[in-house]
Amino acid sequence: MELFGELVAWSAFVNTLLNERISDAEQAEEDYEQTFSTALTDHHIESVTVAKAYATASPAVAEAKEKFQMLDAERRAFRAYYENLKEDQFYLSRELTRRGHGAAFDRRDDRWGKG
């Protein structure tokens, strides 16, 4: 049971970190979109394709995109950690329940002289 309690605590901790990463990734995505939009309006060009090319080539846009991609990768990793912990927690809970109930029946049989 001590291991199960520790697993639940780690799961809650990783869930907190996951929520933090989700928030950071969303903020980085908004920053990237804002930077890209600003870069689009910096160049007064008739063609949208050329304006997008200039905006994409901007160092500020590249930096914001890289930051967003890194934070999104962290979010995905923490989601995987959290899902794995939840699966382990479910498996351990099921095993503890199964073994605990079996032990209760064994003791009852010993007490009443059956078996």
PDB file of N, CA and C in Angstrom:
ATOM      1  N   MET A   1       0.814  -1.199   0.000  1.00  0.00           N
ATOM      2  CA  MET A   1       0.000   0.000   0.000  1.00  0.00           C
ATOM      3  C   MET A   1       0.857   1.263   0.000  1.00  0.00           C
ATOM      4  N   GLU A   2       2.031   1.171   0.599  1.00  0.00           N
ATOM      5  CA  GLU A   2       2.911   2.329   0.632  1.00  0.00           C
ATOM      6  C   GLU A   2       3.339   2.716  -0.786  1.00  0.00           C
ATOM      7  N   LEU A   3       3.637   1.718  -1.599  1.00  0.00           N
ATOM      8  CA  LEU A   3       4.009   1.973  -2.992  1.00  0.00           C
ATOM      9  C   LEU A   3       2.851   2.614  -3.752  1.00  0.00           C
ATOM     10  N   PHE A   4       1.638   2.143  -3.490  1.00  0.00           N
ATOM     11  CA  PHE A   4       0.474   2.704  -4.153  1.00  0.00           C
ATOM     12  C   PHE A   4       0.290   4.176  -3.778  1.00  0.00           C
ATOM     13  N   GLY A   5       0.452   4.500  -2.513  1.00  0.00           N
ATOM     14  CA  GLY A   5       0.351   5.892  -2.073  1.00  0.00           C
ATOM     15  C   GLY A   5       1.408   6.772  -2.720  1.00  0.00           C
ATOM     16  N   GLU A   6       2.619   6.238  -2.838  1.00  0.00           N
ATOM     17  CA  GLU A   6       3.692   6.989  -3.491  1.00  0.00           C
ATOM     18  C   GLU A   6       3.388   7.195  -4.972  1.00  0.00           C
ATOM     19  N   LEU A   7       2.835   6.179  -5.616  1.00  0.00           N
ATOM     20  CA  LEU A   7       2.474   6.276  -7.026  1.00  0.00           C
ATOM     21  C   LEU A   7       1.375   7.318  -7.240  1.00  0.00           C
ATOM     22  N   VAL A   8       0.400   7.363  -6.357  1.00  0.00           N
ATOM     23  CA  VAL A   8      -0.668   8.361  -6.448  1.00  0.00           C
ATOM     24  C   VAL A   8      -0.091   9.768  -6.275  1.00  0.00           C
ATOM     25  N   ALA A   9       0.838   9.920  -5.346  1.00  0.00           N
ATOM     26  CA  ALA A   9       1.452  11.228  -5.117  1.00  0.00           C
ATOM     27  C   ALA A   9       2.252  11.681  -6.337  1.00  0.00           C
ATOM     28  N   TRP A  10       3.017  10.764  -6.930  1.00  0.00           N
ATOM     29  CA  TRP A  10       3.776  11.101  -8.133  1.00  0.00           C
ATOM     30  C   TRP A  10       2.843  11.447  -9.285  1.00  0.00           C
ATOM     31  N   SER A  11       1.746  10.742  -9.389  1.00  0.00           N
ATOM     32  CA  SER A  11       0.772  11.016 -10.441  1.00  0.00           C
ATOM     33  C   SER A  11       0.197  12.423 -10.287  1.00  0.00           C
ATOM     34  N   ALA A  12      -0.126  12.804  -9.078  1.00  0.00           N
ATOM     35  CA  ALA A  12      -0.650  14.154  -8.828  1.00  0.00           C
ATOM     36  C   ALA A  12       0.405  15.213  -9.142  1.00  0.00           C
ATOM     37  N   PHE A  13       1.657  14.936  -8.787  1.00  0.00           N
ATOM     38  CA  PHE A  13       2.744  15.874  -9.058  1.00  0.00           C
ATOM     39  C   PHE A  13       2.951  16.049 -10.557  1.00  0.00           C
ATOM     40  N   VAL A  14       2.978  14.943 -11.292  1.00  0.00           N
ATOM     41  CA  VAL A  14       3.171  15.017 -12.743  1.00  0.00           C
ATOM     42  C   VAL A  14       1.970  15.689 -13.405  1.00  0.00           C
ATOM     43  N   ASN A  15       0.776  15.491 -12.861  1.00  0.00           N
ATOM     44  CA  ASN A  15      -0.403  16.170 -13.390  1.00  0.00           C
ATOM     45  C   ASN A  15      -0.256  17.681 -13.246  1.00  0.00           C
ATOM     46  N   THR A  16       0.286  18.132 -12.130  1.00  0.00           N
ATOM     47  CA  THR A  16       0.535  19.561 -11.930  1.00  0.00           C
ATOM     48  C   THR A  16       1.538  20.083 -12.952  1.00  0.00           C
ATOM     49  N   LEU A  17       2.616  19.317 -13.160  1.00  0.00           N
ATOM     50  CA  LEU A  17       3.608  19.717 -14.153  1.00  0.00           C
ATOM     51  C   LEU A  17       3.019  19.718 -15.562  1.00  0.00           C
ATOM     52  N   LEU A  18       2.161  18.744 -15.846  1.00  0.00           N
ATOM     53  CA  LEU A  18       1.516  18.679 -17.158  1.00  0.00           C
ATOM     54  C   LEU A  18       0.659  19.916 -17.395  1.00  0.00           C
ATOM     55  N   ASN A  19      -0.132  20.298 -16.410  1.00  0.00           N
ATOM     56  CA  ASN A  19      -0.973  21.483 -16.563  1.00  0.00           C
ATOM     57  C   ASN A  19      -0.143  22.743 -16.758  1.00  0.00           C
ATOM     58  N   GLU A  20       0.997  22.805 -16.083  1.00  0.00           N
ATOM     59  CA  GLU A  20       1.902  23.937 -16.267  1.00  0.00           C
ATOM     60  C   GLU A  20       2.450  23.964 -17.691  1.00  0.00           C
ATOM     61  N   ARG A  21       2.832  22.788 -18.203  1.00  0.00           N
ATOM     62  CA  ARG A  21       3.356  22.702 -19.576  1.00  0.00           C
ATOM     63  C   ARG A  21       2.280  23.043 -20.610  1.00  0.00           C
ATOM     64  N   ILE A  22       1.048  22.648 -20.348  1.00  0.00           N
ATOM     65  CA  ILE A  22      -0.049  22.978 -21.259  1.00  0.00           C
ATOM     66  C   ILE A  22      -0.221  24.492 -21.322  1.00  0.00           C
ATOM     67  N   SER A  23      -0.206  25.126 -20.178  1.00  0.00           N
ATOM     68  CA  SER A  23      -0.350  26.582 -20.121  1.00  0.00           C
ATOM     69  C   SER A  23       0.806  27.274 -20.839  1.00  0.00           C
ATOM     70  N   ASP A  24       2.036  26.810 -20.600  1.00  0.00           N
ATOM     71  CA  ASP A  24       3.209  27.401 -21.254  1.00  0.00           C
ATOM     72  C   ASP A  24       3.144  27.230 -22.767  1.00  0.00           C
ATOM     73  N   ALA A  25       2.720  26.058 -23.227  1.00  0.00           N
ATOM     74  CA  ALA A  25       2.642  25.798 -24.667  1.00  0.00           C
ATOM     75  C   ALA A  25       1.571  26.669 -25.313  1.00  0.00           C
ATOM     76  N   GLU A  26       0.438  26.833 -24.647  1.00  0.00           N
ATOM     77  CA  GLU A  26      -0.615  27.691 -25.192  1.00  0.00           C
ATOM     78  C   GLU A  26      -0.146  29.135 -25.285  1.00  0.00           C
ATOM     79  N   GLN A  27       0.560  29.595 -24.263  1.00  0.00           N
ATOM     80  CA  GLN A  27       1.072  30.966 -24.285  1.00  0.00           C
ATOM     81  C   GLN A  27       2.112  31.137 -25.391  1.00  0.00           C
ATOM     82  N   ALA A  28       2.985  30.148 -25.572  1.00  0.00           N
ATOM     83  CA  ALA A  28       4.000  30.219 -26.621  1.00  0.00           C
ATOM     84  C   ALA A  28       3.353  30.203 -28.005  1.00  0.00           C
ATOM     85  N   GLU A  29       2.274  29.445 -28.151  1.00  0.00           N
ATOM     86  CA  GLU A  29       1.570  29.425 -29.431  1.00  0.00           C
ATOM     87  C   GLU A  29       0.950  30.794 -29.731  1.00  0.00           C
ATOM     88  N   GLU A  30       0.357  31.413 -28.724  1.00  0.00           N
ATOM     89  CA  GLU A  30      -0.210  32.752 -28.903  1.00  0.00           C
ATOM     90  C   GLU A  30       0.882  33.766 -29.242  1.00  0.00           C
ATOM     91  N   ASP A  31       2.040  33.657 -28.576  1.00  0.00           N
ATOM     92  CA  ASP A  31       3.155  34.559 -28.862  1.00  0.00           C
ATOM     93  C   ASP A  31       3.651  34.375 -30.294  1.00  0.00           C
ATOM     94  N   TYR A  32       3.736  33.115 -30.731  1.00  0.00           N
ATOM     95  CA  TYR A  32       4.171  32.836 -32.101  1.00  0.00           C
ATOM     96  C   TYR A  32       3.192  33.437 -33.108  1.00  0.00           C
ATOM     97  N   GLU A  33       1.896  33.219 -32.898  1.00  0.00           N
ATOM     98  CA  GLU A  33       0.902  33.752 -33.826  1.00  0.00           C
ATOM     99  C   GLU A  33       0.937  35.283 -33.851  1.00  0.00           C
ATOM    100  N   GLN A  34       1.121  35.901 -32.690  1.00  0.00           N
ATOM    101  CA  GLN A  34       1.210  37.358 -32.624  1.00  0.00           C
ATOM    102  C   GLN A  34       2.450  37.854 -33.354  1.00  0.00           C
ATOM    103  N   THR A  35       3.584  37.195 -33.151  1.00  0.00           N
ATOM    104  CA  THR A  35       4.828  37.588 -33.807  1.00  0.00           C
ATOM    105  C   THR A  35       4.709  37.429 -35.317  1.00  0.00           C
ATOM    106  N   PHE A  36       4.093  36.327 -35.741  1.00  0.00           N
ATOM    107  CA  PHE A  36       3.910  36.086 -37.167  1.00  0.00           C
ATOM    108  C   PHE A  36       2.998  37.147 -37.782  1.00  0.00           C
ATOM    109  N   SER A  37       1.903  37.468 -37.095  1.00  0.00           N
ATOM    110  CA  SER A  37       0.971  38.489 -37.599  1.00  0.00           C
ATOM    111  C   SER A  37       1.645  39.853 -37.695  1.00  0.00           C
ATOM    112  N   THR A  38       2.451  40.169 -36.691  1.00  0.00           N
ATOM    113  CA  THR A  38       3.170  41.444 -36.707  1.00  0.00           C
ATOM    114  C   THR A  38       4.163  41.481 -37.863  1.00  0.00           C
ATOM    115  N   ALA A  39       4.849  40.377 -38.084  1.00  0.00           N
ATOM    116  CA  ALA A  39       5.815  40.308 -39.183  1.00  0.00           C
ATOM    117  C   ALA A  39       5.111  40.405 -40.538  1.00  0.00           C
ATOM    118  N   LEU A  40       3.891  39.889 -40.636  1.00  0.00           N
ATOM    119  CA  LEU A  40       3.137  40.002 -41.886  1.00  0.00           C
ATOM    120  C   LEU A  40       2.813  41.448 -42.219  1.00  0.00           C
ATOM    121  N   THR A  41       2.483  42.221 -41.207  1.00  0.00           N
ATOM    122  CA  THR A  41       2.095  43.609 -41.450  1.00  0.00           C
ATOM    123  C   THR A  41       3.290  44.540 -41.583  1.00  0.00           C
ATOM    124  N   ASP A  42       4.494  44.062 -41.273  1.00  0.00           N
ATOM    125  CA  ASP A  42       5.680  44.903 -41.392  1.00  0.00           C
ATOM    126  C   ASP A  42       6.022  45.198 -42.854  1.00  0.00           C
ATOM    127  N   HIS A  43       5.699  44.292 -43.746  1.00  0.00           N
ATOM    128  CA  HIS A  43       6.046  44.448 -45.158  1.00  0.00           C
ATOM    129  C   HIS A  43       4.772  44.747 -45.948  1.00  0.00           C
ATOM    130  N   HIS A  44       4.763  45.876 -46.606  1.00  0.00           N
ATOM    131  CA  HIS A  44       3.599  46.273 -47.400  1.00  0.00           C
ATOM    132  C   HIS A  44       3.811  45.796 -48.835  1.00  0.00           C
ATOM    133  N   ILE A  45       3.460  44.542 -49.045  1.00  0.00           N
ATOM    134  CA  ILE A  45       3.641  43.904 -50.345  1.00  0.00           C
ATOM    135  C   ILE A  45       2.274  43.448 -50.823  1.00  0.00           C
ATOM    136  N   GLU A  46       2.079  43.519 -52.133  1.00  0.00           N
ATOM    137  CA  GLU A  46       0.786  43.162 -52.706  1.00  0.00           C
ATOM    138  C   GLU A  46       0.483  41.670 -52.599  1.00  0.00           C
ATOM    139  N   SER A  47       1.480  40.843 -52.728  1.00  0.00           N
ATOM    140  CA  SER A  47       1.276  39.398 -52.749  1.00  0.00           C
ATOM    141  C   SER A  47       1.306  38.824 -51.330  1.00  0.00           C
ATOM    142  N   VAL A  48       0.297  38.058 -50.997  1.00  0.00           N
ATOM    143  CA  VAL A  48       0.223  37.427 -49.682  1.00  0.00           C
ATOM    144  C   VAL A  48       1.319  36.380 -49.537  1.00  0.00           C
ATOM    145  N   THR A  49       1.594  35.655 -50.588  1.00  0.00           N
ATOM    146  CA  THR A  49       2.618  34.613 -50.548  1.00  0.00           C
ATOM    147  C   THR A  49       3.988  35.201 -50.235  1.00  0.00           C
ATOM    148  N   VAL A  50       4.311  36.321 -50.848  1.00  0.00           N
ATOM    149  CA  VAL A  50       5.602  36.972 -50.598  1.00  0.00           C
ATOM    150  C   VAL A  50       5.642  37.522 -49.174  1.00  0.00           C
ATOM    151  N   ALA A  51       4.544  38.094 -48.714  1.00  0.00           N
ATOM    152  CA  ALA A  51       4.495  38.610 -47.342  1.00  0.00           C
ATOM    153  C   ALA A  51       4.694  37.486 -46.331  1.00  0.00           C
ATOM    154  N   LYS A  52       4.073  36.327 -46.591  1.00  0.00           N
ATOM    155  CA  LYS A  52       4.264  35.170 -45.695  1.00  0.00           C
ATOM    156  C   LYS A  52       5.708  34.688 -45.729  1.00  0.00           C
ATOM    157  N   ALA A  53       6.319  34.721 -46.894  1.00  0.00           N
ATOM    158  CA  ALA A  53       7.723  34.307 -47.010  1.00  0.00           C
ATOM    159  C   ALA A  53       8.623  35.233 -46.202  1.00  0.00           C
ATOM    160  N   TYR A  54       8.386  36.547 -46.301  1.00  0.00           N
ATOM    161  CA  TYR A  54       9.161  37.501 -45.504  1.00  0.00           C
ATOM    162  C   TYR A  54       8.934  37.277 -44.010  1.00  0.00           C
ATOM    163  N   ALA A  55       7.683  37.053 -43.629  1.00  0.00           N
ATOM    164  CA  ALA A  55       7.360  36.855 -42.212  1.00  0.00           C
ATOM    165  C   ALA A  55       7.996  35.576 -41.686  1.00  0.00           C
ATOM    166  N   THR A  56       7.967  34.515 -42.477  1.00  0.00           N
ATOM    167  CA  THR A  56       8.550  33.245 -42.059  1.00  0.00           C
ATOM    168  C   THR A  56      10.068  33.356 -41.919  1.00  0.00           C
ATOM    169  N   ALA A  57      10.678  34.173 -42.757  1.00  0.00           N
ATOM    170  CA  ALA A  57      12.136  34.334 -42.718  1.00  0.00           C
ATOM    171  C   ALA A  57      12.591  35.248 -41.587  1.00  0.00           C
ATOM    172  N   SER A  58      11.673  35.903 -40.938  1.00  0.00           N
ATOM    173  CA  SER A  58      12.021  36.824 -39.857  1.00  0.00           C
ATOM    174  C   SER A  58      12.651  36.064 -38.687  1.00  0.00           C
ATOM    175  N   PRO A  59      13.753  36.569 -38.129  1.00  0.00           N
ATOM    176  CA  PRO A  59      14.380  35.902 -36.982  1.00  0.00           C
ATOM    177  C   PRO A  59      13.474  35.834 -35.752  1.00  0.00           C
ATOM    178  N   ALA A  60      12.676  36.854 -35.543  1.00  0.00           N
ATOM    179  CA  ALA A  60      11.781  36.859 -34.380  1.00  0.00           C
ATOM    180  C   ALA A  60      10.722  35.768 -34.512  1.00  0.00           C
ATOM    181  N   VAL A  61      10.212  35.575 -35.727  1.00  0.00           N
ATOM    182  CA  VAL A  61       9.208  34.534 -35.957  1.00  0.00           C
ATOM    183  C   VAL A  61       9.837  33.157 -35.789  1.00  0.00           C
ATOM    184  N   ALA A  62      11.043  32.987 -36.311  1.00  0.00           N
ATOM    185  CA  ALA A  62      11.738  31.698 -36.180  1.00  0.00           C
ATOM    186  C   ALA A  62      11.993  31.359 -34.719  1.00  0.00           C
ATOM    187  N   GLU A  63      12.390  32.363 -33.946  1.00  0.00           N
ATOM    188  CA  GLU A  63      12.641  32.151 -32.512  1.00  0.00           C
ATOM    189  C   GLU A  63      11.351  31.786 -31.775  1.00  0.00           C
ATOM    190  N   ALA A  64      10.258  32.502 -32.078  1.00  0.00           N
ATOM    191  CA  ALA A  64       8.975  32.218 -31.422  1.00  0.00           C
ATOM    192  C   ALA A  64       8.459  30.833 -31.805  1.00  0.00           C
ATOM    193  N   LYS A  65       8.665  30.455 -33.066  1.00  0.00           N
ATOM    194  CA  LYS A  65       8.217  29.134 -33.514  1.00  0.00           C
ATOM    195  C   LYS A  65       9.022  28.030 -32.836  1.00  0.00           C
ATOM    196  N   GLU A  66      10.322  28.229 -32.713  1.00  0.00           N
ATOM    197  CA  GLU A  66      11.174  27.235 -32.054  1.00  0.00           C
ATOM    198  C   GLU A  66      10.789  27.082 -30.578  1.00  0.00           C
ATOM    199  N   LYS A  67      10.524  28.197 -29.914  1.00  0.00           N
ATOM    200  CA  LYS A  67      10.114  28.146 -28.510  1.00  0.00           C
ATOM    201  C   LYS A  67       8.797  27.393 -28.367  1.00  0.00           C
ATOM    202  N   PHE A  68       7.839  27.681 -29.261  1.00  0.00           N
ATOM    203  CA  PHE A  68       6.554  26.993 -29.231  1.00  0.00           C
ATOM    204  C   PHE A  68       6.731  25.489 -29.459  1.00  0.00           C
ATOM    205  N   GLN A  69       7.550  25.120 -30.420  1.00  0.00           N
ATOM    206  CA  GLN A  69       7.754  23.696 -30.711  1.00  0.00           C
ATOM    207  C   GLN A  69       8.410  22.968 -29.537  1.00  0.00           C
ATOM    208  N   MET A  70       9.346  23.611 -28.862  1.00  0.00           N
ATOM    209  CA  MET A  70      10.003  22.995 -27.704  1.00  0.00           C
ATOM    210  C   MET A  70       9.012  22.806 -26.554  1.00  0.00           C
ATOM    211  N   LEU A  71       8.216  23.819 -26.284  1.00  0.00           N
ATOM    212  CA  LEU A  71       7.245  23.711 -25.196  1.00  0.00           C
ATOM    213  C   LEU A  71       6.138  22.712 -25.523  1.00  0.00           C
ATOM    214  N   ASP A  72       5.767  22.624 -26.788  1.00  0.00           N
ATOM    215  CA  ASP A  72       4.756  21.653 -27.189  1.00  0.00           C
ATOM    216  C   ASP A  72       5.304  20.225 -27.055  1.00  0.00           C
ATOM    217  N   ALA A  73       6.582  20.036 -27.365  1.00  0.00           N
ATOM    218  CA  ALA A  73       7.206  18.715 -27.199  1.00  0.00           C
ATOM    219  C   ALA A  73       7.264  18.333 -25.716  1.00  0.00           C
ATOM    220  N   GLU A  74       7.580  19.302 -24.860  1.00  0.00           N
ATOM    221  CA  GLU A  74       7.577  19.037 -23.412  1.00  0.00           C
ATOM    222  C   GLU A  74       6.182  18.659 -22.933  1.00  0.00           C
ATOM    223  N   ARG A  75       5.171  19.362 -23.446  1.00  0.00           N
ATOM    224  CA  ARG A  75       3.788  19.064 -23.065  1.00  0.00           C
ATOM    225  C   ARG A  75       3.428  17.640 -23.459  1.00  0.00           C
ATOM    226  N   ARG A  76       3.815  17.241 -24.644  1.00  0.00           N
ATOM    227  CA  ARG A  76       3.523  15.873 -25.098  1.00  0.00           C
ATOM    228  C   ARG A  76       4.248  14.829 -24.248  1.00  0.00           C
ATOM    229  N   ALA A  77       5.486  15.122 -23.879  1.00  0.00           N
ATOM    230  CA  ALA A  77       6.245  14.188 -23.038  1.00  0.00           C
ATOM    231  C   ALA A  77       5.595  14.056 -21.660  1.00  0.00           C
ATOM    232  N   PHE A  78       5.216  15.172 -21.077  1.00  0.00           N
ATOM    233  CA  PHE A  78       4.587  15.107 -19.757  1.00  0.00           C
ATOM    234  C   PHE A  78       3.224  14.444 -19.812  1.00  0.00           C
ATOM    235  N   ARG A  79       2.507  14.593 -20.933  1.00  0.00           N
ATOM    236  CA  ARG A  79       1.229  13.888 -21.073  1.00  0.00           C
ATOM    237  C   ARG A  79       1.475  12.380 -21.104  1.00  0.00           C
ATOM    238  N   ALA A  80       2.537  11.959 -21.790  1.00  0.00           N
ATOM    239  CA  ALA A  80       2.873  10.536 -21.829  1.00  0.00           C
ATOM    240  C   ALA A  80       3.271  10.030 -20.441  1.00  0.00           C
ATOM    241  N   TYR A  81       4.073  10.811 -19.706  1.00  0.00           N
ATOM    242  CA  TYR A  81       4.448  10.428 -18.343  1.00  0.00           C
ATOM    243  C   TYR A  81       3.201  10.251 -17.481  1.00  0.00           C
ATOM    244  N   TYR A  82       2.296  11.224 -17.581  1.00  0.00           N
ATOM    245  CA  TYR A  82       1.093  11.192 -16.753  1.00  0.00           C
ATOM    246  C   TYR A  82       0.213   9.993 -17.116  1.00  0.00           C
ATOM    247  N   GLU A  83       0.038   9.741 -18.405  1.00  0.00           N
ATOM    248  CA  GLU A  83      -0.790   8.607 -18.820  1.00  0.00           C
ATOM    249  C   GLU A  83      -0.175   7.284 -18.361  1.00  0.00           C
ATOM    250  N   ASN A  84       1.137   7.163 -18.434  1.00  0.00           N
ATOM    251  CA  ASN A  84       1.801   5.943 -17.963  1.00  0.00           C
ATOM    252  C   ASN A  84       1.627   5.761 -16.461  1.00  0.00           C
ATOM    253  N   LEU A  85       1.747   6.843 -15.710  1.00  0.00           N
ATOM    254  CA  LEU A  85       1.537   6.750 -14.264  1.00  0.00           C
ATOM    255  C   LEU A  85       0.103   6.355 -13.937  1.00  0.00           C
ATOM    256  N   LYS A  86      -0.862   6.901 -14.671  1.00  0.00           N
ATOM    257  CA  LYS A  86      -2.258   6.543 -14.425  1.00  0.00           C
ATOM    258  C   LYS A  86      -2.514   5.071 -14.741  1.00  0.00           C
ATOM    259  N   GLU A  87      -1.898   4.560 -15.810  1.00  0.00           N
ATOM    260  CA  GLU A  87      -2.052   3.137 -16.137  1.00  0.00           C
ATOM    261  C   GLU A  87      -1.434   2.264 -15.051  1.00  0.00           C
ATOM    262  N   ASP A  88      -0.243   2.630 -14.590  1.00  0.00           N
ATOM    263  CA  ASP A  88       0.402   1.875 -13.513  1.00  0.00           C
ATOM    264  C   ASP A  88      -0.430   1.921 -12.240  1.00  0.00           C
ATOM    265  N   GLN A  89      -0.992   3.078 -11.957  1.00  0.00           N
ATOM    266  CA  GLN A  89      -1.826   3.244 -10.770  1.00  0.00           C
ATOM    267  C   GLN A  89      -3.066   2.348 -10.870  1.00  0.00           C
ATOM    268  N   PHE A  90      -3.688   2.307 -12.027  1.00  0.00           N
ATOM    269  CA  PHE A  90      -4.859   1.456 -12.230  1.00  0.00           C
ATOM    270  C   PHE A  90      -4.493  -0.014 -12.064  1.00  0.00           C
ATOM    271  N   TYR A  91      -3.362  -0.419 -12.666  1.00  0.00           N
ATOM    272  CA  TYR A  91      -2.929  -1.814 -12.582  1.00  0.00           C
ATOM    273  C   TYR A  91      -2.630  -2.198 -11.135  1.00  0.00           C
ATOM    274  N   LEU A  92      -1.909  -1.356 -10.424  1.00  0.00           N
ATOM    275  CA  LEU A  92      -1.560  -1.651  -9.042  1.00  0.00           C
ATOM    276  C   LEU A  92      -2.804  -1.689  -8.167  1.00  0.00           C
ATOM    277  N   SER A  93      -3.738  -0.775  -8.374  1.00  0.00           N
ATOM    278  CA  SER A  93      -4.980  -0.773  -7.610  1.00  0.00           C
ATOM    279  C   SER A  93      -5.766  -2.060  -7.839  1.00  0.00           C
ATOM    280  N   ARG A  94      -5.834  -2.480  -9.091  1.00  0.00           N
ATOM    281  CA  ARG A  94      -6.557  -3.712  -9.422  1.00  0.00           C
ATOM    282  C   ARG A  94      -5.899  -4.925  -8.771  1.00  0.00           C
ATOM    283  N   GLU A  95      -4.579  -4.976  -8.819  1.00  0.00           N
ATOM    284  CA  GLU A  95      -3.866  -6.100  -8.206  1.00  0.00           C
ATOM    285  C   GLU A  95      -4.032  -6.113  -6.687  1.00  0.00           C
ATOM    286  N   LEU A  96      -3.950  -4.946  -6.057  1.00  0.00           N
ATOM    287  CA  LEU A  96      -4.136  -4.883  -4.608  1.00  0.00           C
ATOM    288  C   LEU A  96      -5.543  -5.319  -4.220  1.00  0.00           C
ATOM    289  N   THR A  97      -6.525  -4.894  -4.995  1.00  0.00           N
ATOM    290  CA  THR A  97      -7.903  -5.283  -4.715  1.00  0.00           C
ATOM    291  C   THR A  97      -8.088  -6.782  -4.891  1.00  0.00           C
ATOM    292  N   ARG A  98      -7.559  -7.311  -5.991  1.00  0.00           N
ATOM    293  CA  ARG A  98      -7.710  -8.745  -6.274  1.00  0.00           C
ATOM    294  C   ARG A  98      -7.032  -9.586  -5.198  1.00  0.00           C
ATOM    295  N   ARG A  99      -5.829  -9.221  -4.843  1.00  0.00           N
ATOM    296  CA  ARG A  99      -5.098 -10.006  -3.849  1.00  0.00           C
ATOM    297  C   ARG A  99      -5.671  -9.822  -2.452  1.00  0.00           C
ATOM    298  N   GLY A 100      -6.157  -8.626  -2.165  1.00  0.00           N
ATOM    299  CA  GLY A 100      -6.747  -8.375  -0.852  1.00  0.00           C
ATOM    300  C   GLY A 100      -8.023  -9.161  -0.645  1.00  0.00           C
ATOM    301  N   HIS A 101      -8.851  -9.230  -1.678  1.00  0.00           N
ATOM    302  CA  HIS A 101     -10.097  -9.986  -1.558  1.00  0.00           C
ATOM    303  C   HIS A 101      -9.834 -11.482  -1.462  1.00  0.00           C
ATOM    304  N   GLY A 102      -8.838 -11.965  -2.195  1.00  0.00           N
ATOM    305  CA  GLY A 102      -8.503 -13.391  -2.135  1.00  0.00           C
ATOM    306  C   GLY A 102      -8.009 -13.788  -0.763  1.00  0.00           C
ATOM    307  N   ALA A 103      -7.228 -12.917  -0.137  1.00  0.00           N
ATOM    308  CA  ALA A 103      -6.713 -13.213   1.199  1.00  0.00           C
ATOM    309  C   ALA A 103      -7.851 -13.263   2.212  1.00  0.00           C
ATOM    310  N   ALA A 104      -8.837 -12.415   2.064  1.00  0.00           N
ATOM    311  CA  ALA A 104      -9.972 -12.410   2.993  1.00  0.00           C
ATOM    312  C   ALA A 104     -10.740 -13.727   2.898  1.00  0.00           C
ATOM    313  N   PHE A 105     -10.939 -14.252   1.706  1.00  0.00           N
ATOM    314  CA  PHE A 105     -11.644 -15.512   1.546  1.00  0.00           C
ATOM    315  C   PHE A 105     -10.824 -16.667   2.108  1.00  0.00           C
ATOM    316  N   ASP A 106      -9.513 -16.636   1.913  1.00  0.00           N
ATOM    317  CA  ASP A 106      -8.656 -17.691   2.448  1.00  0.00           C
ATOM    318  C   ASP A 106      -8.733 -17.711   3.974  1.00  0.00           C
ATOM    319  N   ARG A 107      -8.672 -16.564   4.599  1.00  0.00           N
ATOM    320  CA  ARG A 107      -8.746 -16.508   6.056  1.00  0.00           C
ATOM    321  C   ARG A 107     -10.093 -17.009   6.554  1.00  0.00           C
ATOM    322  N   ARG A 108     -11.162 -16.670   5.862  1.00  0.00           N
ATOM    323  CA  ARG A 108     -12.489 -17.103   6.263  1.00  0.00           C
ATOM    324  C   ARG A 108     -12.584 -18.619   6.184  1.00  0.00           C
ATOM    325  N   ASP A 109     -12.041 -19.204   5.139  1.00  0.00           N
ATOM    326  CA  ASP A 109     -12.043 -20.658   5.019  1.00  0.00           C
ATOM    327  C   ASP A 109     -11.253 -21.321   6.134  1.00  0.00           C
ATOM    328  N   ASP A 110     -10.125 -20.736   6.508  1.00  0.00           N
ATOM    329  CA  ASP A 110      -9.318 -21.289   7.595  1.00  0.00           C
ATOM    330  C   ASP A 110     -10.070 -21.199   8.926  1.00  0.00           C
ATOM    331  N   ARG A 111     -10.788 -20.124   9.120  1.00  0.00           N
ATOM    332  CA  ARG A 111     -11.486 -19.908  10.377  1.00  0.00           C
ATOM    333  C   ARG A 111     -12.617 -20.927  10.579  1.00  0.00           C
ATOM    334  N   TRP A 112     -13.326 -21.248   9.525  1.00  0.00           N
ATOM    335  CA  TRP A 112     -14.474 -22.129   9.648  1.00  0.00           C
ATOM    336  C   TRP A 112     -14.144 -23.586   9.335  1.00  0.00           C
ATOM    337  N   GLY A 113     -12.887 -23.849   9.084  1.00  0.00           N
ATOM    338  CA  GLY A 113     -12.480 -25.234   8.881  1.00  0.00           C
ATOM    339  C   GLY A 113     -12.811 -25.814   7.524  1.00  0.00           C
ATOM    340  N   LYS A 114     -13.042 -24.952   6.541  1.00  0.00           N
ATOM    341  CA  LYS A 114     -13.318 -25.441   5.203  1.00  0.00           C
ATOM    342  C   LYS A 114     -12.040 -25.401   4.390  1.00  0.00           C
ATOM    343  N   GLY A 115     -11.993 -26.249   3.403  1.00  0.00           N
ATOM    344  CA  GLY A 115     -10.858 -26.205   2.485  1.00  0.00           C
ATOM    345  C   GLY A 115      -9.934 -27.260   2.728  1.00  0.00           C
TER     346      GLY A 115
END
